[in-house]
């Protein structure tokens, strides 16, 4: 009987959305690199070598910005709700893990809404502690997660 009580009622892994996949990134980088190189060669050939160097700098900055973007995309959150606990495990891009655990009967799910944008933030509070959830999600994903998570909390609280 103990094993069935520990089965999660709800489990979700939240990850940031990245619209450009690895293949698209390589294609975009190749095209922008070719354009920068053509312009740099033109300016180097006409004697304006400082301008040609700036095209190389532009390309490096673009490459670096996308690398930082993909690095931040490695962050994720694992949210589980069982009869005995609500667990939020946050994984940073560097791999550090922070876990927040709440008693499901004391846990409250707080949602802030804006009339134009929808859900702007989601928090779990309880026993004097709190944590945010899904801060990197887009508005549609926040809505669907909030609905499912709220339903899971209600289900657990009904099974007294």
C-alpha atoms as a PDB file:
ATOM      1  CA  UNK A   1       0.000   0.000   0.000  1.00  0.00           C
ATOM      2  CA  UNK A   2       2.884   2.365   0.732  1.00  0.00           C
ATOM      3  CA  UNK A   3       4.212   2.082  -2.848  1.00  0.00           C
ATOM      4  CA  UNK A   4       0.921   3.209  -4.372  1.00  0.00           C
ATOM      5  CA  UNK A   5       0.792   6.281  -2.114  1.00  0.00           C
ATOM      6  CA  UNK A   6       4.200   7.417  -3.371  1.00  0.00           C
ATOM      7  CA  UNK A   7       3.242   7.168  -7.041  1.00  0.00           C
ATOM      8  CA  UNK A   8       3.200  10.662  -8.527  1.00  0.00           C
ATOM      9  CA  UNK A   9      -0.214  11.990  -9.439  1.00  0.00           C
ATOM     10  CA  UNK A  10       1.455  14.585 -11.657  1.00  0.00           C
ATOM     11  CA  UNK A  11       4.941  14.862 -13.136  1.00  0.00           C
ATOM     12  CA  UNK A  12       6.219  17.458 -15.581  1.00  0.00           C
ATOM     13  CA  UNK A  13       9.594  18.477 -16.941  1.00  0.00           C
ATOM     14  CA  UNK A  14       9.669  22.142 -17.909  1.00  0.00           C
ATOM     15  CA  UNK A  15      12.262  23.280 -20.432  1.00  0.00           C
ATOM     16  CA  UNK A  16      12.783  26.614 -22.180  1.00  0.00           C
ATOM     17  CA  UNK A  17      11.682  26.804 -25.791  1.00  0.00           C
ATOM     18  CA  UNK A  18      14.316  27.519 -28.424  1.00  0.00           C
ATOM     19  CA  UNK A  19      12.892  28.252 -31.862  1.00  0.00           C
ATOM     20  CA  UNK A  20      16.150  27.588 -33.708  1.00  0.00           C
ATOM     21  CA  UNK A  21      17.415  24.028 -33.480  1.00  0.00           C
ATOM     22  CA  UNK A  22      21.064  22.909 -33.844  1.00  0.00           C
ATOM     23  CA  UNK A  23      20.752  22.320 -37.591  1.00  0.00           C
ATOM     24  CA  UNK A  24      19.148  25.713 -38.155  1.00  0.00           C
ATOM     25  CA  UNK A  25      21.854  27.306 -36.025  1.00  0.00           C
ATOM     26  CA  UNK A  26      24.594  25.811 -38.190  1.00  0.00           C
ATOM     27  CA  UNK A  27      22.850  26.954 -41.380  1.00  0.00           C
ATOM     28  CA  UNK A  28      22.284  30.478 -40.019  1.00  0.00           C
ATOM     29  CA  UNK A  29      25.900  30.673 -38.850  1.00  0.00           C
ATOM     30  CA  UNK A  30      27.210  29.488 -42.229  1.00  0.00           C
ATOM     31  CA  UNK A  31      25.123  32.033 -44.147  1.00  0.00           C
ATOM     32  CA  UNK A  32      25.978  34.942 -41.848  1.00  0.00           C
ATOM     33  CA  UNK A  33      29.637  33.888 -41.832  1.00  0.00           C
ATOM     34  CA  UNK A  34      29.731  33.855 -45.629  1.00  0.00           C
ATOM     35  CA  UNK A  35      28.104  37.285 -45.838  1.00  0.00           C
ATOM     36  CA  UNK A  36      30.483  38.745 -43.238  1.00  0.00           C
ATOM     37  CA  UNK A  37      33.478  37.207 -44.982  1.00  0.00           C
ATOM     38  CA  UNK A  38      32.463  38.596 -48.403  1.00  0.00           C
ATOM     39  CA  UNK A  39      32.044  42.067 -46.961  1.00  0.00           C
ATOM     40  CA  UNK A  40      35.291  41.813 -45.004  1.00  0.00           C
ATOM     41  CA  UNK A  41      37.215  40.728 -48.123  1.00  0.00           C
ATOM     42  CA  UNK A  42      35.719  43.629 -50.094  1.00  0.00           C
ATOM     43  CA  UNK A  43      36.736  46.206 -47.495  1.00  0.00           C
ATOM     44  CA  UNK A  44      40.190  44.649 -47.005  1.00  0.00           C
ATOM     45  CA  UNK A  45      40.741  44.737 -50.792  1.00  0.00           C
ATOM     46  CA  UNK A  46      39.700  48.398 -51.029  1.00  0.00           C
ATOM     47  CA  UNK A  47      42.106  49.401 -48.268  1.00  0.00           C
ATOM     48  CA  UNK A  48      39.543  49.908 -45.511  1.00  0.00           C
ATOM     49  CA  UNK A  49      40.939  47.093 -43.373  1.00  0.00           C
ATOM     50  CA  UNK A  50      39.533  48.330 -40.023  1.00  0.00           C
ATOM     51  CA  UNK A  51      35.997  47.981 -41.387  1.00  0.00           C
ATOM     52  CA  UNK A  52      36.818  44.470 -42.588  1.00  0.00           C
ATOM     53  CA  UNK A  53      37.895  43.518 -39.063  1.00  0.00           C
ATOM     54  CA  UNK A  54      34.594  44.744 -37.652  1.00  0.00           C
ATOM     55  CA  UNK A  55      32.748  42.223 -39.828  1.00  0.00           C
ATOM     56  CA  UNK A  56      34.744  39.475 -38.116  1.00  0.00           C
ATOM     57  CA  UNK A  57      33.894  40.963 -34.734  1.00  0.00           C
ATOM     58  CA  UNK A  58      30.187  41.080 -35.665  1.00  0.00           C
ATOM     59  CA  UNK A  59      30.287  37.415 -36.596  1.00  0.00           C
ATOM     60  CA  UNK A  60      32.000  36.463 -33.302  1.00  0.00           C
ATOM     61  CA  UNK A  61      29.450  38.449 -31.290  1.00  0.00           C
ATOM     62  CA  UNK A  62      26.566  36.741 -33.109  1.00  0.00           C
ATOM     63  CA  UNK A  63      28.112  33.331 -32.483  1.00  0.00           C
ATOM     64  CA  UNK A  64      28.698  34.145 -28.796  1.00  0.00           C
ATOM     65  CA  UNK A  65      25.168  35.433 -28.279  1.00  0.00           C
ATOM     66  CA  UNK A  66      23.676  32.235 -29.663  1.00  0.00           C
ATOM     67  CA  UNK A  67      26.005  30.081 -27.556  1.00  0.00           C
ATOM     68  CA  UNK A  68      24.864  31.912 -24.421  1.00  0.00           C
ATOM     69  CA  UNK A  69      21.245  31.516 -25.520  1.00  0.00           C
ATOM     70  CA  UNK A  70      21.633  27.757 -25.980  1.00  0.00           C
ATOM     71  CA  UNK A  71      23.503  27.470 -22.679  1.00  0.00           C
ATOM     72  CA  UNK A  72      20.611  29.125 -20.837  1.00  0.00           C
ATOM     73  CA  UNK A  73      18.296  26.694 -22.648  1.00  0.00           C
ATOM     74  CA  UNK A  74      19.814  23.819 -20.660  1.00  0.00           C
ATOM     75  CA  UNK A  75      17.973  24.994 -17.541  1.00  0.00           C
ATOM     76  CA  UNK A  76      14.984  22.880 -16.619  1.00  0.00           C
ATOM     77  CA  UNK A  77      12.568  22.136 -13.822  1.00  0.00           C
ATOM     78  CA  UNK A  78      11.036  18.859 -12.721  1.00  0.00           C
ATOM     79  CA  UNK A  79       7.723  19.222 -10.904  1.00  0.00           C
ATOM     80  CA  UNK A  80       6.032  16.256  -9.240  1.00  0.00           C
ATOM     81  CA  UNK A  81       2.949  15.999  -7.088  1.00  0.00           C
ATOM     82  CA  UNK A  82       2.291  12.911  -5.016  1.00  0.00           C
ATOM     83  CA  UNK A  83       0.035  12.212  -2.059  1.00  0.00           C
ATOM     84  CA  UNK A  84       2.867  13.010   0.359  1.00  0.00           C
ATOM     85  CA  UNK A  85       4.818  15.813  -1.327  1.00  0.00           C
ATOM     86  CA  UNK A  86       5.025  18.506  -3.947  1.00  0.00           C
ATOM     87  CA  UNK A  87       8.551  18.580  -5.306  1.00  0.00           C
ATOM     88  CA  UNK A  88      10.156  21.219  -7.530  1.00  0.00           C
ATOM     89  CA  UNK A  89      13.683  20.396  -8.713  1.00  0.00           C
ATOM     90  CA  UNK A  90      15.458  23.213 -10.553  1.00  0.00           C
ATOM     91  CA  UNK A  91      18.461  22.446 -12.729  1.00  0.00           C
ATOM     92  CA  UNK A  92      20.678  25.403 -13.655  1.00  0.00           C
ATOM     93  CA  UNK A  93      22.517  25.535 -16.999  1.00  0.00           C
ATOM     94  CA  UNK A  94      25.718  24.697 -15.092  1.00  0.00           C
ATOM     95  CA  UNK A  95      24.117  21.534 -13.696  1.00  0.00           C
ATOM     96  CA  UNK A  96      23.442  22.658 -10.110  1.00  0.00           C
ATOM     97  CA  UNK A  97      20.258  21.257  -8.614  1.00  0.00           C
ATOM     98  CA  UNK A  98      18.042  22.985  -6.058  1.00  0.00           C
ATOM     99  CA  UNK A  99      15.098  21.064  -4.695  1.00  0.00           C
ATOM    100  CA  UNK A 100      12.051  22.518  -2.987  1.00  0.00           C
ATOM    101  CA  UNK A 101       9.623  20.190  -1.254  1.00  0.00           C
ATOM    102  CA  UNK A 102       6.208  21.057   0.155  1.00  0.00           C
ATOM    103  CA  UNK A 103       3.469  19.226   1.986  1.00  0.00           C
ATOM    104  CA  UNK A 104       0.631  19.056  -0.580  1.00  0.00           C
ATOM    105  CA  UNK A 105      -2.009  19.878   2.036  1.00  0.00           C
ATOM    106  CA  UNK A 106      -0.253  23.126   2.974  1.00  0.00           C
ATOM    107  CA  UNK A 107       0.971  24.014  -0.508  1.00  0.00           C
ATOM    108  CA  UNK A 108      -0.717  26.870  -2.327  1.00  0.00           C
ATOM    109  CA  UNK A 109      -0.341  27.572  -6.013  1.00  0.00           C
ATOM    110  CA  UNK A 110      -0.265  31.307  -6.728  1.00  0.00           C
ATOM    111  CA  UNK A 111      -0.655  32.710 -10.234  1.00  0.00           C
ATOM    112  CA  UNK A 112      -0.242  36.345 -11.251  1.00  0.00           C
ATOM    113  CA  UNK A 113      -2.119  37.426 -14.353  1.00  0.00           C
ATOM    114  CA  UNK A 114      -2.042  40.441 -16.605  1.00  0.00           C
ATOM    115  CA  UNK A 115      -5.200  41.181 -18.565  1.00  0.00           C
ATOM    116  CA  UNK A 116      -3.295  41.409 -21.877  1.00  0.00           C
ATOM    117  CA  UNK A 117      -0.443  38.921 -21.447  1.00  0.00           C
ATOM    118  CA  UNK A 118      -2.046  36.184 -19.371  1.00  0.00           C
ATOM    119  CA  UNK A 119      -0.009  34.494 -16.652  1.00  0.00           C
ATOM    120  CA  UNK A 120       3.097  36.493 -15.735  1.00  0.00           C
ATOM    121  CA  UNK A 121       4.355  34.338 -12.854  1.00  0.00           C
ATOM    122  CA  UNK A 122       3.580  31.147 -10.949  1.00  0.00           C
ATOM    123  CA  UNK A 123       4.628  30.328  -7.374  1.00  0.00           C
ATOM    124  CA  UNK A 124       4.232  27.474  -4.927  1.00  0.00           C
ATOM    125  CA  UNK A 125       4.056  28.588  -1.299  1.00  0.00           C
ATOM    126  CA  UNK A 126       3.654  26.735   1.951  1.00  0.00           C
ATOM    127  CA  UNK A 127       5.040  26.429   5.459  1.00  0.00           C
ATOM    128  CA  UNK A 128       6.742  29.836   5.205  1.00  0.00           C
ATOM    129  CA  UNK A 129       8.638  28.946   2.024  1.00  0.00           C
ATOM    130  CA  UNK A 130       8.047  29.699  -1.638  1.00  0.00           C
ATOM    131  CA  UNK A 131       9.509  29.109  -5.079  1.00  0.00           C
ATOM    132  CA  UNK A 132       8.662  30.216  -8.578  1.00  0.00           C
ATOM    133  CA  UNK A 133       7.838  27.742 -11.321  1.00  0.00           C
ATOM    134  CA  UNK A 134       8.232  27.957 -15.082  1.00  0.00           C
ATOM    135  CA  UNK A 135       9.546  31.509 -15.291  1.00  0.00           C
ATOM    136  CA  UNK A 136      11.016  30.672 -18.728  1.00  0.00           C
ATOM    137  CA  UNK A 137       7.803  29.277 -20.233  1.00  0.00           C
ATOM    138  CA  UNK A 138       5.859  31.070 -22.943  1.00  0.00           C
ATOM    139  CA  UNK A 139       2.290  32.250 -22.116  1.00  0.00           C
ATOM    140  CA  UNK A 140       0.508  29.278 -23.731  1.00  0.00           C
ATOM    141  CA  UNK A 141       2.694  26.762 -21.895  1.00  0.00           C
ATOM    142  CA  UNK A 142       2.160  28.625 -18.615  1.00  0.00           C
ATOM    143  CA  UNK A 143      -1.613  28.390 -19.076  1.00  0.00           C
ATOM    144  CA  UNK A 144      -1.583  24.643 -19.781  1.00  0.00           C
ATOM    145  CA  UNK A 145       0.878  23.921 -16.964  1.00  0.00           C
ATOM    146  CA  UNK A 146      -1.109  25.995 -14.464  1.00  0.00           C
ATOM    147  CA  UNK A 147      -4.322  24.163 -15.344  1.00  0.00           C
ATOM    148  CA  UNK A 148      -2.721  20.710 -15.023  1.00  0.00           C
ATOM    149  CA  UNK A 149      -0.788  21.541 -11.835  1.00  0.00           C
ATOM    150  CA  UNK A 150      -3.812  23.105 -10.162  1.00  0.00           C
ATOM    151  CA  UNK A 151      -5.848  20.001 -11.045  1.00  0.00           C
ATOM    152  CA  UNK A 152      -3.173  17.690  -9.609  1.00  0.00           C
ATOM    153  CA  UNK A 153      -3.089  19.625  -6.313  1.00  0.00           C
ATOM    154  CA  UNK A 154      -6.873  19.468  -6.096  1.00  0.00           C
ATOM    155  CA  UNK A 155      -6.844  15.719  -6.775  1.00  0.00           C
ATOM    156  CA  UNK A 156      -4.309  15.064  -4.019  1.00  0.00           C
ATOM    157  CA  UNK A 157      -6.158  17.239  -1.511  1.00  0.00           C
ATOM    158  CA  UNK A 158      -9.453  15.413  -2.215  1.00  0.00           C
ATOM    159  CA  UNK A 159      -7.988  12.012  -1.347  1.00  0.00           C
ATOM    160  CA  UNK A 160      -7.934  12.476   2.415  1.00  0.00           C
END
